[in-house]
């Protein structure tokens, strides 16, 4: 369940990064959105692994 929520959050963050790119915002703002999206996808993947 949480992995699906995190994947949706990653999609929203990527969309935010693209939106900031169109608005000619500073590069660091775009980078923060992309890094957060990558972290959300990593967390979603880690939640799908079986508990050892």
N, C-alpha and C. Protein backbone atom coordinates (compact mmCIF):
# COMPACT_ATOMS: atom_id res chain seq x y z
N UNK A 1 0.82 -1.20 0.00
CA UNK A 1 0.00 0.00 0.00
C UNK A 1 0.87 1.26 0.00
N UNK A 2 1.86 1.30 0.93
CA UNK A 2 2.70 2.49 1.02
C UNK A 2 3.57 2.66 -0.21
N UNK A 3 3.93 1.55 -0.85
CA UNK A 3 4.76 1.67 -2.05
C UNK A 3 3.99 2.38 -3.16
N UNK A 4 2.71 2.13 -3.25
CA UNK A 4 1.89 2.80 -4.27
C UNK A 4 1.79 4.30 -3.96
N UNK A 5 1.62 4.63 -2.69
CA UNK A 5 1.56 6.04 -2.30
C UNK A 5 2.88 6.74 -2.61
N UNK A 6 4.00 6.08 -2.32
CA UNK A 6 5.30 6.68 -2.60
C UNK A 6 5.55 6.84 -4.10
N UNK A 7 5.09 5.88 -4.90
CA UNK A 7 5.23 6.02 -6.35
C UNK A 7 4.41 7.19 -6.88
N UNK A 8 3.22 7.38 -6.33
CA UNK A 8 2.42 8.54 -6.71
C UNK A 8 3.08 9.84 -6.30
N UNK A 9 3.66 9.87 -5.11
CA UNK A 9 4.38 11.05 -4.65
C UNK A 9 5.56 11.34 -5.57
N UNK A 10 6.26 10.31 -6.00
CA UNK A 10 7.39 10.51 -6.91
C UNK A 10 6.91 11.11 -8.23
N UNK A 11 5.78 10.67 -8.71
CA UNK A 11 5.23 11.24 -9.94
C UNK A 11 4.89 12.71 -9.78
N UNK A 12 4.32 13.06 -8.64
CA UNK A 12 4.01 14.47 -8.38
C UNK A 12 5.28 15.31 -8.28
N UNK A 13 6.30 14.76 -7.67
CA UNK A 13 7.55 15.49 -7.53
C UNK A 13 8.24 15.70 -8.88
N UNK A 14 8.20 14.70 -9.74
CA UNK A 14 8.77 14.85 -11.08
C UNK A 14 7.98 15.90 -11.86
N UNK A 15 6.66 15.87 -11.72
CA UNK A 15 5.85 16.90 -12.37
C UNK A 15 6.16 18.29 -11.86
N UNK A 16 6.42 18.40 -10.56
CA UNK A 16 6.81 19.68 -10.00
C UNK A 16 8.15 20.15 -10.53
N UNK A 17 9.09 19.22 -10.67
CA UNK A 17 10.39 19.58 -11.24
C UNK A 17 10.28 20.06 -12.67
N UNK A 18 9.45 19.39 -13.44
CA UNK A 18 9.24 19.82 -14.83
C UNK A 18 8.55 21.18 -14.89
N UNK A 19 7.63 21.41 -13.98
CA UNK A 19 6.94 22.69 -13.93
C UNK A 19 7.92 23.82 -13.59
N UNK A 20 8.79 23.57 -12.64
CA UNK A 20 9.78 24.58 -12.28
C UNK A 20 10.76 24.82 -13.42
N UNK A 21 11.03 23.79 -14.23
CA UNK A 21 11.91 23.98 -15.38
C UNK A 21 11.26 24.93 -16.39
N UNK A 22 9.96 24.78 -16.61
CA UNK A 22 9.27 25.66 -17.55
C UNK A 22 9.19 27.09 -17.04
N UNK A 23 9.21 27.26 -15.73
CA UNK A 23 9.14 28.60 -15.15
C UNK A 23 10.51 29.25 -15.02
N UNK A 24 11.55 28.59 -15.52
CA UNK A 24 12.93 29.08 -15.45
C UNK A 24 13.36 29.37 -14.01
N UNK A 25 13.02 28.46 -13.11
CA UNK A 25 13.45 28.58 -11.72
C UNK A 25 14.92 28.19 -11.61
N UNK A 26 15.53 28.46 -10.46
CA UNK A 26 16.94 28.05 -10.29
C UNK A 26 17.10 26.54 -10.43
N UNK A 27 18.27 26.15 -10.89
CA UNK A 27 18.53 24.72 -11.11
C UNK A 27 18.46 23.91 -9.83
N UNK A 28 18.84 24.52 -8.70
CA UNK A 28 18.85 23.75 -7.46
C UNK A 28 17.45 23.37 -7.03
N UNK A 29 16.45 24.17 -7.36
CA UNK A 29 15.07 23.83 -7.02
C UNK A 29 14.63 22.60 -7.80
N UNK A 30 14.95 22.57 -9.08
CA UNK A 30 14.62 21.41 -9.90
C UNK A 30 15.35 20.18 -9.39
N UNK A 31 16.62 20.34 -9.05
CA UNK A 31 17.41 19.21 -8.57
C UNK A 31 16.84 18.64 -7.28
N UNK A 32 16.37 19.51 -6.39
CA UNK A 32 15.79 19.03 -5.13
C UNK A 32 14.55 18.19 -5.41
N UNK A 33 13.71 18.64 -6.33
CA UNK A 33 12.51 17.87 -6.65
C UNK A 33 12.86 16.51 -7.24
N UNK A 34 13.86 16.47 -8.13
CA UNK A 34 14.25 15.20 -8.74
C UNK A 34 14.90 14.26 -7.73
N UNK A 35 15.69 14.80 -6.83
CA UNK A 35 16.32 13.97 -5.80
C UNK A 35 15.26 13.40 -4.86
N UNK A 36 14.30 14.22 -4.47
CA UNK A 36 13.22 13.72 -3.61
C UNK A 36 12.40 12.64 -4.31
N UNK A 37 12.16 12.81 -5.61
CA UNK A 37 11.42 11.79 -6.36
C UNK A 37 12.21 10.49 -6.40
N UNK A 38 13.51 10.58 -6.60
CA UNK A 38 14.34 9.37 -6.62
C UNK A 38 14.33 8.68 -5.25
N UNK A 39 14.37 9.48 -4.19
CA UNK A 39 14.33 8.90 -2.85
C UNK A 39 12.98 8.22 -2.58
N UNK A 40 11.90 8.81 -3.07
CA UNK A 40 10.59 8.19 -2.89
C UNK A 40 10.50 6.87 -3.65
N UNK A 41 11.06 6.83 -4.86
CA UNK A 41 11.05 5.57 -5.61
C UNK A 41 11.92 4.52 -4.95
N UNK A 42 13.05 4.93 -4.40
CA UNK A 42 13.91 3.98 -3.69
C UNK A 42 13.20 3.43 -2.45
N UNK A 43 12.52 4.29 -1.72
CA UNK A 43 11.79 3.84 -0.55
C UNK A 43 10.66 2.89 -0.94
N UNK A 44 9.98 3.19 -2.05
CA UNK A 44 8.91 2.30 -2.51
C UNK A 44 9.49 0.93 -2.88
N UNK A 45 10.64 0.92 -3.51
CA UNK A 45 11.26 -0.35 -3.87
C UNK A 45 11.68 -1.13 -2.61
N UNK A 46 12.26 -0.43 -1.66
CA UNK A 46 12.71 -1.10 -0.44
C UNK A 46 11.54 -1.67 0.35
N UNK A 47 10.39 -1.02 0.27
CA UNK A 47 9.21 -1.55 0.96
C UNK A 47 8.67 -2.82 0.32
N UNK A 48 9.01 -3.07 -0.95
CA UNK A 48 8.52 -4.27 -1.61
C UNK A 48 9.39 -5.49 -1.33
N UNK A 49 10.59 -5.27 -0.78
CA UNK A 49 11.47 -6.40 -0.49
C UNK A 49 10.94 -7.19 0.70
N UNK A 50 11.10 -8.50 0.67
CA UNK A 50 10.62 -9.29 1.81
C UNK A 50 11.50 -9.04 3.04
N UNK A 51 10.89 -9.11 4.19
CA UNK A 51 11.63 -8.93 5.43
C UNK A 51 12.51 -10.14 5.67
N UNK A 52 13.75 -9.88 6.00
CA UNK A 52 14.69 -11.00 6.19
C UNK A 52 14.66 -11.51 7.61
